[in-house]
N, C-alpha and C. Protein backbone atom coordinates (compact mmCIF):
# COMPACT_ATOMS: atom_id res chain seq x y z
N MET A 1 -0.06 9.14 8.55
CA MET A 1 -1.03 8.56 7.65
C MET A 1 -1.27 9.52 6.50
N SER A 2 -1.35 9.01 5.31
CA SER A 2 -1.51 9.85 4.13
C SER A 2 -2.94 9.81 3.64
N THR A 3 -3.42 10.96 3.18
CA THR A 3 -4.75 11.02 2.60
C THR A 3 -4.73 10.85 1.10
N GLY A 4 -3.52 10.79 0.52
CA GLY A 4 -3.41 10.60 -0.91
C GLY A 4 -3.26 11.89 -1.70
N THR A 5 -3.19 13.03 -1.05
CA THR A 5 -2.97 14.29 -1.74
C THR A 5 -1.59 14.27 -2.37
N THR A 6 -1.46 14.64 -3.62
CA THR A 6 -0.20 14.48 -4.34
C THR A 6 0.94 15.29 -3.76
N ASN A 7 0.71 16.39 -3.08
CA ASN A 7 1.78 17.19 -2.53
C ASN A 7 2.01 16.94 -1.04
N GLU A 8 1.28 16.03 -0.46
CA GLU A 8 1.38 15.77 0.96
C GLU A 8 2.57 14.87 1.26
N THR A 9 3.24 15.14 2.38
CA THR A 9 4.31 14.29 2.85
C THR A 9 4.09 14.00 4.31
N THR A 10 4.11 12.73 4.69
CA THR A 10 3.89 12.32 6.07
C THR A 10 4.94 11.31 6.45
N THR A 11 5.48 11.42 7.68
CA THR A 11 6.47 10.46 8.16
C THR A 11 5.82 9.54 9.18
N ARG A 12 6.06 8.25 9.05
CA ARG A 12 5.54 7.28 9.99
C ARG A 12 6.45 6.07 9.95
N ALA A 13 6.85 5.58 11.11
CA ALA A 13 7.67 4.38 11.24
C ALA A 13 8.91 4.45 10.35
N ASP A 14 9.60 5.59 10.38
CA ASP A 14 10.83 5.79 9.62
C ASP A 14 10.63 5.72 8.11
N ARG A 15 9.42 5.97 7.64
CA ARG A 15 9.14 6.01 6.21
C ARG A 15 8.48 7.35 5.92
N THR A 16 8.91 8.02 4.90
CA THR A 16 8.27 9.27 4.51
C THR A 16 7.36 8.98 3.33
N LEU A 17 6.06 9.13 3.54
CA LEU A 17 5.08 8.89 2.49
C LEU A 17 5.03 10.11 1.58
N THR A 18 4.95 9.87 0.28
CA THR A 18 4.98 10.97 -0.68
C THR A 18 3.61 11.42 -1.13
N GLY A 19 2.56 10.76 -0.68
CA GLY A 19 1.21 11.18 -1.03
C GLY A 19 0.55 10.36 -2.12
N LYS A 20 1.32 9.57 -2.88
CA LYS A 20 0.72 8.71 -3.90
C LYS A 20 0.20 7.46 -3.21
N THR A 21 -1.06 7.11 -3.50
CA THR A 21 -1.72 5.99 -2.83
C THR A 21 -2.50 5.16 -3.84
N TRP A 22 -2.42 3.86 -3.69
CA TRP A 22 -3.23 2.91 -4.46
C TRP A 22 -3.99 2.06 -3.45
N VAL A 23 -5.30 1.94 -3.63
CA VAL A 23 -6.12 1.10 -2.76
C VAL A 23 -6.35 -0.22 -3.48
N ALA A 24 -6.16 -1.32 -2.73
CA ALA A 24 -6.35 -2.66 -3.28
C ALA A 24 -7.75 -3.16 -2.91
N PHE A 25 -8.51 -3.56 -3.93
CA PHE A 25 -9.87 -4.04 -3.73
C PHE A 25 -9.97 -5.51 -4.12
N GLY A 26 -10.57 -6.30 -3.23
CA GLY A 26 -10.90 -7.69 -3.51
C GLY A 26 -12.40 -7.80 -3.74
N PRO A 27 -12.92 -9.02 -3.88
CA PRO A 27 -14.35 -9.21 -4.12
C PRO A 27 -15.25 -8.63 -3.03
N ALA A 28 -14.75 -8.57 -1.79
CA ALA A 28 -15.57 -8.09 -0.67
C ALA A 28 -15.28 -6.63 -0.31
N GLY A 29 -14.44 -5.95 -1.09
CA GLY A 29 -14.13 -4.55 -0.79
C GLY A 29 -12.64 -4.32 -0.61
N ALA A 30 -12.29 -3.19 0.00
CA ALA A 30 -10.89 -2.82 0.18
C ALA A 30 -10.18 -3.82 1.09
N VAL A 31 -8.97 -4.22 0.67
CA VAL A 31 -8.17 -5.17 1.47
C VAL A 31 -6.88 -4.54 1.97
N GLY A 32 -6.46 -3.42 1.39
CA GLY A 32 -5.22 -2.77 1.81
C GLY A 32 -4.91 -1.58 0.94
N SER A 33 -3.74 -0.99 1.19
CA SER A 33 -3.32 0.16 0.41
C SER A 33 -1.81 0.18 0.26
N ILE A 34 -1.37 0.75 -0.85
CA ILE A 34 0.06 0.92 -1.13
C ILE A 34 0.32 2.42 -1.17
N HIS A 35 1.43 2.83 -0.58
CA HIS A 35 1.78 4.25 -0.50
C HIS A 35 3.19 4.46 -1.04
N GLY A 36 3.35 5.48 -1.88
CA GLY A 36 4.67 5.85 -2.34
C GLY A 36 5.48 6.43 -1.19
N THR A 37 6.77 6.12 -1.14
CA THR A 37 7.68 6.66 -0.13
C THR A 37 8.87 7.27 -0.85
N GLU A 38 9.72 7.93 -0.10
CA GLU A 38 10.93 8.48 -0.71
C GLU A 38 11.84 7.38 -1.25
N GLY A 39 11.77 6.18 -0.64
CA GLY A 39 12.64 5.10 -1.04
C GLY A 39 11.98 4.01 -1.86
N GLY A 40 10.72 4.16 -2.24
CA GLY A 40 10.02 3.13 -3.00
C GLY A 40 8.55 3.13 -2.66
N TYR A 41 8.05 1.97 -2.20
CA TYR A 41 6.63 1.81 -1.88
C TYR A 41 6.48 0.95 -0.64
N THR A 42 5.48 1.25 0.17
CA THR A 42 5.15 0.44 1.33
C THR A 42 3.67 0.13 1.27
N PHE A 43 3.22 -0.83 2.07
CA PHE A 43 1.80 -1.16 2.08
C PHE A 43 1.36 -1.58 3.46
N LYS A 44 0.06 -1.59 3.64
CA LYS A 44 -0.55 -2.17 4.83
C LYS A 44 -1.89 -2.75 4.44
N LEU A 45 -2.23 -3.85 5.08
CA LEU A 45 -3.55 -4.43 4.91
C LEU A 45 -4.50 -3.67 5.82
N ILE A 46 -5.79 -3.79 5.56
CA ILE A 46 -6.79 -3.07 6.35
C ILE A 46 -6.63 -3.36 7.85
N ALA A 47 -6.33 -4.59 8.22
CA ALA A 47 -6.22 -4.97 9.63
C ALA A 47 -4.88 -4.62 10.26
N ASP A 48 -3.89 -4.18 9.47
CA ASP A 48 -2.56 -3.86 10.00
C ASP A 48 -2.59 -2.56 10.79
N ALA A 49 -1.80 -2.53 11.87
CA ALA A 49 -1.66 -1.30 12.66
C ALA A 49 -0.62 -0.37 12.04
N ASP A 50 0.33 -0.92 11.30
CA ASP A 50 1.40 -0.10 10.74
C ASP A 50 1.77 -0.60 9.35
N PHE A 51 2.58 0.18 8.66
CA PHE A 51 3.04 -0.19 7.33
C PHE A 51 4.05 -1.32 7.40
N ARG A 52 4.17 -2.04 6.32
CA ARG A 52 5.15 -3.12 6.22
C ARG A 52 6.42 -2.58 5.57
N GLY A 53 7.28 -3.44 5.07
CA GLY A 53 8.57 -3.02 4.52
C GLY A 53 8.47 -2.06 3.35
N VAL A 54 9.61 -1.57 2.91
CA VAL A 54 9.68 -0.70 1.74
C VAL A 54 10.16 -1.55 0.56
N TYR A 55 9.47 -1.43 -0.57
CA TYR A 55 9.75 -2.22 -1.76
C TYR A 55 10.21 -1.29 -2.88
N PRO A 56 11.09 -1.77 -3.76
CA PRO A 56 11.71 -0.87 -4.75
C PRO A 56 10.79 -0.37 -5.85
N THR A 57 9.76 -1.15 -6.20
CA THR A 57 8.85 -0.75 -7.29
C THR A 57 7.41 -0.98 -6.88
N LEU A 58 6.51 -0.34 -7.58
CA LEU A 58 5.09 -0.52 -7.33
C LEU A 58 4.67 -1.96 -7.59
N GLU A 59 5.20 -2.57 -8.64
CA GLU A 59 4.84 -3.96 -8.96
C GLU A 59 5.27 -4.92 -7.86
N VAL A 60 6.44 -4.70 -7.28
CA VAL A 60 6.92 -5.56 -6.18
C VAL A 60 6.03 -5.35 -4.97
N ALA A 61 5.64 -4.12 -4.67
CA ALA A 61 4.75 -3.85 -3.54
C ALA A 61 3.39 -4.51 -3.76
N LYS A 62 2.87 -4.46 -4.99
CA LYS A 62 1.60 -5.13 -5.29
C LYS A 62 1.71 -6.63 -5.05
N SER A 63 2.81 -7.22 -5.49
CA SER A 63 3.02 -8.66 -5.28
C SER A 63 3.12 -9.00 -3.80
N ALA A 64 3.82 -8.16 -3.03
CA ALA A 64 3.97 -8.39 -1.59
C ALA A 64 2.62 -8.28 -0.89
N LEU A 65 1.81 -7.30 -1.27
CA LEU A 65 0.48 -7.17 -0.68
C LEU A 65 -0.35 -8.42 -1.00
N HIS A 66 -0.35 -8.84 -2.25
CA HIS A 66 -1.11 -10.03 -2.64
C HIS A 66 -0.64 -11.26 -1.87
N ALA A 67 0.68 -11.41 -1.71
CA ALA A 67 1.22 -12.56 -0.97
C ALA A 67 0.83 -12.53 0.50
N SER A 68 0.47 -11.38 1.02
CA SER A 68 0.08 -11.25 2.43
C SER A 68 -1.39 -11.58 2.67
N LEU A 69 -2.15 -11.71 1.59
CA LEU A 69 -3.56 -12.07 1.72
C LEU A 69 -3.69 -13.56 2.01
N LEU A 70 -4.88 -13.99 2.37
CA LEU A 70 -5.11 -15.40 2.65
C LEU A 70 -4.79 -16.25 1.42
N PRO A 71 -4.31 -17.48 1.62
CA PRO A 71 -4.03 -18.36 0.48
C PRO A 71 -5.25 -18.50 -0.43
N GLY A 72 -5.03 -18.45 -1.72
CA GLY A 72 -6.10 -18.59 -2.69
C GLY A 72 -6.82 -17.29 -3.02
N ALA A 73 -6.42 -16.19 -2.37
CA ALA A 73 -7.09 -14.91 -2.64
C ALA A 73 -6.80 -14.47 -4.08
N GLU A 74 -7.82 -13.88 -4.71
CA GLU A 74 -7.67 -13.36 -6.06
C GLU A 74 -6.72 -12.16 -6.05
N TRP A 75 -6.10 -11.90 -7.20
CA TRP A 75 -5.27 -10.70 -7.36
C TRP A 75 -6.21 -9.49 -7.21
N PRO A 76 -5.89 -8.57 -6.29
CA PRO A 76 -6.78 -7.43 -6.10
C PRO A 76 -6.71 -6.43 -7.25
N GLU A 77 -7.74 -5.61 -7.35
CA GLU A 77 -7.74 -4.50 -8.30
C GLU A 77 -7.13 -3.30 -7.57
N PHE A 78 -6.12 -2.68 -8.17
CA PHE A 78 -5.44 -1.55 -7.55
C PHE A 78 -5.91 -0.27 -8.23
N ARG A 79 -6.43 0.67 -7.42
CA ARG A 79 -6.92 1.94 -7.93
C ARG A 79 -6.12 3.08 -7.32
N GLU A 80 -5.55 3.91 -8.17
CA GLU A 80 -4.78 5.06 -7.67
C GLU A 80 -5.72 6.12 -7.13
N HIS A 81 -5.35 6.69 -5.99
CA HIS A 81 -6.14 7.76 -5.36
C HIS A 81 -5.29 8.96 -5.16
């Protein structure tokens, strides 16, 4: 698990997190987070036990996170940490 420190590297589920983190916020608060990896970006929703797939760009990871929310959910605000 990554705390978002820029020089931190953590391995989990065959993904090496690089320390860059964006938290996704909806109207009711945080809904998930996106983490930079050596191969792109991965994300998990707040209720997820583990990270999901690796995506080639931050924009694709943002779209995948949004698509994983309930139907009709607003586009979340992404804040870099």
